[in-house]
Amino acid sequence: MKSAKVLLGMTVLVSILGCAPKPVVKSETKVAEPKVAAVVETPQAKADKINAELSKVAAFGFAYRVPTLDDKTLEAWLLKSLPVIKKALADLPEGYVFRVSGHATPVKSDVKPSTPLVTIIEASQKRADFMISVLKKNGVDVSKIITRGAGATELINTVDVYGPENRRVTFKVVPKL
């Protein structure tokens, strides 16, 4: 009888152990992360970004009918602007050029010119050409730069058209024509 009890106890134990839940082994399955397509910046978006920086480096300080800047103004401008211009040229998108635009104020009717009067377009073009020579003297490759004289067509102060802020040179990345 004792052996029957032992046998019965062992049978119960085996059946309990056999019915016990088996440990779950989790497999290390890596879930593939979704692939994100690389964001490609369009040439226009790149140009817009460059132009936002270039808008901060316009050259101001030109005297009336003078196509150059004085040494002190030019030196301060170069210190602030030359790195921005060099970076803009280095990052120039395919199909774009770097444009330097000279701007002028209208001719004052009460001024008696001591030198032959040049047109406003010519005066503004001379400012753009001056800035090109400055950039070239300071190690800038000007092969991707174009110039234009805008004259008095893009005034930033339309209340005082003779205001000194209208006599300037601006820089912009534009599509090639």
Protein backbone atom coordinates (compact mmCIF):
# COMPACT_ATOMS: atom_id res chain seq x y z
CA MET A 1 0.00 0.00 0.00
CA LYS A 2 2.83 2.30 0.75
CA SER A 3 4.21 1.76 -2.71
CA ALA A 4 0.77 2.49 -4.17
CA LYS A 5 0.66 5.79 -2.29
CA VAL A 6 4.13 6.69 -3.50
CA LEU A 7 3.16 5.70 -7.01
CA LEU A 8 -0.04 7.73 -6.79
CA GLY A 9 1.84 10.74 -5.38
CA MET A 10 4.40 10.55 -8.15
CA THR A 11 1.68 10.30 -10.78
CA VAL A 12 -0.04 13.39 -9.37
CA LEU A 13 3.27 15.24 -9.26
CA VAL A 14 4.12 14.30 -12.84
CA SER A 15 0.67 15.31 -14.07
CA ILE A 16 0.89 18.66 -12.23
CA LEU A 17 4.32 19.34 -13.67
CA GLY A 18 3.21 18.20 -17.09
CA CYS A 19 0.26 20.64 -17.03
CA ALA A 20 2.25 23.56 -15.75
CA PRO A 21 2.64 26.36 -18.26
CA LYS A 22 5.83 26.15 -20.19
CA PRO A 23 8.10 29.17 -20.07
CA VAL A 24 7.75 31.33 -23.16
CA VAL A 25 11.02 32.04 -24.87
CA LYS A 26 10.85 35.31 -26.75
CA SER A 27 12.89 35.41 -29.86
CA GLU A 28 14.92 38.51 -30.53
CA THR A 29 13.22 39.52 -33.76
CA LYS A 30 14.21 42.99 -34.87
CA VAL A 31 11.47 45.02 -36.35
CA ALA A 32 12.72 46.86 -39.39
CA GLU A 33 12.49 50.59 -38.89
CA PRO A 34 10.65 52.40 -41.64
CA LYS A 35 13.04 53.88 -44.16
CA VAL A 36 12.88 57.62 -44.38
CA ALA A 37 13.70 59.03 -47.77
CA ALA A 38 16.54 61.52 -47.67
CA VAL A 39 15.26 65.04 -48.00
CA VAL A 40 16.81 66.55 -51.08
CA GLU A 41 16.99 70.32 -51.09
CA THR A 42 15.85 71.76 -54.40
CA PRO A 43 18.13 74.27 -56.13
CA GLN A 44 15.52 76.99 -55.59
CA ALA A 45 15.28 76.20 -51.86
CA LYS A 46 19.06 76.30 -51.63
CA ALA A 47 19.13 79.65 -53.47
CA ASP A 48 16.46 81.03 -51.13
CA LYS A 49 18.51 80.02 -48.10
CA ILE A 50 21.65 81.64 -49.53
CA ASN A 51 19.72 84.80 -50.45
CA ALA A 52 18.43 85.12 -46.89
CA GLU A 53 22.06 85.39 -45.76
CA LEU A 54 23.09 87.65 -48.64
CA SER A 55 20.30 90.11 -47.83
CA LYS A 56 22.23 90.93 -44.65
CA VAL A 57 25.43 91.98 -46.46
CA ALA A 58 24.38 94.71 -48.89
CA ALA A 59 27.02 97.40 -49.21
CA PHE A 60 25.80 100.82 -48.09
CA GLY A 61 27.65 104.11 -47.69
CA PHE A 62 28.11 105.29 -51.27
CA ALA A 63 28.18 109.07 -51.59
CA TYR A 64 26.01 110.77 -54.18
CA ARG A 65 27.42 110.12 -57.68
CA VAL A 66 30.42 108.24 -56.25
CA PRO A 67 30.91 104.63 -57.39
CA THR A 68 33.30 103.63 -54.58
CA LEU A 69 33.26 103.33 -50.80
CA ASP A 70 35.70 105.10 -48.51
CA ASP A 71 38.41 102.86 -47.01
CA LYS A 72 36.91 102.69 -43.51
CA THR A 73 33.44 101.73 -44.75
CA LEU A 74 34.89 99.21 -47.20
CA GLU A 75 37.09 97.59 -44.55
CA ALA A 76 34.16 97.19 -42.15
CA TRP A 77 31.99 95.77 -44.94
CA LEU A 78 34.68 93.26 -45.98
CA LEU A 79 35.14 92.05 -42.43
CA LYS A 80 31.43 91.30 -42.06
CA SER A 81 30.50 90.30 -45.59
CA LEU A 82 33.40 88.54 -47.29
CA PRO A 83 32.92 85.19 -45.48
CA VAL A 84 29.20 85.20 -46.32
CA ILE A 85 29.87 85.93 -49.99
CA LYS A 86 32.58 83.25 -50.24
CA LYS A 87 30.25 80.68 -48.68
CA ALA A 88 27.41 81.69 -50.99
CA LEU A 89 29.64 81.19 -54.03
CA ALA A 90 30.86 77.83 -52.72
CA ASP A 91 27.27 76.66 -52.16
CA LEU A 92 25.94 78.03 -55.46
CA PRO A 93 23.29 75.60 -56.78
CA GLU A 94 23.62 74.11 -60.26
CA GLY A 95 21.93 76.35 -62.84
CA TYR A 96 22.33 79.52 -60.78
CA VAL A 97 24.68 82.51 -60.85
CA PHE A 98 25.70 85.10 -58.29
CA ARG A 99 24.43 88.58 -59.22
CA VAL A 100 25.87 91.84 -57.96
CA SER A 101 23.50 94.79 -58.48
CA GLY A 102 24.46 98.42 -58.15
CA HIS A 103 21.75 100.87 -57.11
CA ALA A 104 21.60 104.66 -57.35
CA THR A 105 19.37 107.56 -56.51
CA PRO A 106 17.79 109.78 -59.13
CA VAL A 107 19.81 112.73 -60.40
CA LYS A 108 19.18 115.82 -58.33
CA SER A 109 17.95 118.61 -60.56
CA ASP A 110 19.65 121.36 -58.54
CA VAL A 111 23.15 119.84 -58.72
CA LYS A 112 25.59 121.43 -61.14
CA PRO A 113 27.86 118.57 -62.19
CA SER A 114 31.57 119.30 -62.24
CA THR A 115 32.13 116.17 -64.31
CA PRO A 116 30.15 114.92 -67.27
CA LEU A 117 26.85 113.55 -66.10
CA VAL A 118 26.54 109.78 -66.42
CA THR A 119 23.22 108.06 -66.53
CA ILE A 120 21.80 106.53 -63.38
CA ILE A 121 22.19 103.07 -64.92
CA GLU A 122 25.87 103.76 -65.68
CA ALA A 123 26.45 105.05 -62.15
CA SER A 124 24.85 101.99 -60.58
CA GLN A 125 26.77 99.68 -62.93
CA LYS A 126 30.03 101.34 -61.82
CA ARG A 127 29.14 100.54 -58.21
CA ALA A 128 28.57 96.88 -59.09
CA ASP A 129 31.85 96.80 -61.04
CA PHE A 130 33.67 98.40 -58.09
CA MET A 131 32.43 95.65 -55.77
CA ILE A 132 33.54 92.96 -58.25
CA SER A 133 37.05 94.43 -58.25
CA VAL A 134 37.03 94.48 -54.44
CA LEU A 135 35.93 90.85 -54.27
CA LYS A 136 38.57 89.80 -56.82
CA LYS A 137 41.32 91.63 -54.88
CA ASN A 138 40.22 89.71 -51.80
CA GLY A 139 40.57 86.26 -53.33
CA VAL A 140 37.06 85.65 -54.60
CA ASP A 141 36.69 83.71 -57.85
CA VAL A 142 34.43 86.02 -59.84
CA SER A 143 33.85 83.63 -62.75
CA LYS A 144 30.31 82.80 -61.59
CA ILE A 145 29.36 86.41 -60.89
CA ILE A 146 27.30 88.67 -63.12
CA THR A 147 26.67 92.37 -62.59
CA ARG A 148 23.92 94.78 -63.42
CA GLY A 149 23.14 98.41 -62.90
CA ALA A 150 19.64 98.70 -61.50
CA GLY A 151 19.66 102.49 -61.53
CA ALA A 152 16.97 104.02 -59.35
CA THR A 153 14.42 101.29 -60.13
CA GLU A 154 14.57 99.44 -56.81
CA LEU A 155 14.50 102.14 -54.16
CA ILE A 156 14.18 100.99 -50.57
CA ASN A 157 13.25 104.47 -49.38
CA THR A 158 10.51 105.76 -51.64
CA VAL A 159 9.67 108.67 -49.34
CA ASP A 160 13.14 110.22 -49.73
CA VAL A 161 14.31 108.94 -53.09
CA TYR A 162 17.65 110.73 -52.58
CA GLY A 163 18.23 108.95 -49.26
CA PRO A 164 21.66 107.38 -48.87
CA GLU A 165 20.19 103.91 -48.24
CA ASN A 166 19.12 103.86 -51.90
CA ARG A 167 22.79 104.11 -52.97
CA ARG A 168 23.96 100.56 -52.40
CA VAL A 169 25.15 97.28 -53.88
CA THR A 170 23.18 94.09 -53.32
CA PHE A 171 24.00 90.42 -53.82
CA LYS A 172 21.66 87.66 -54.90
CA VAL A 173 21.70 84.12 -56.29
CA VAL A 174 19.53 83.98 -59.43
CA PRO A 175 18.78 81.38 -62.12
CA LYS A 176 21.05 81.40 -65.17
CA LEU A 177 19.34 82.84 -68.21
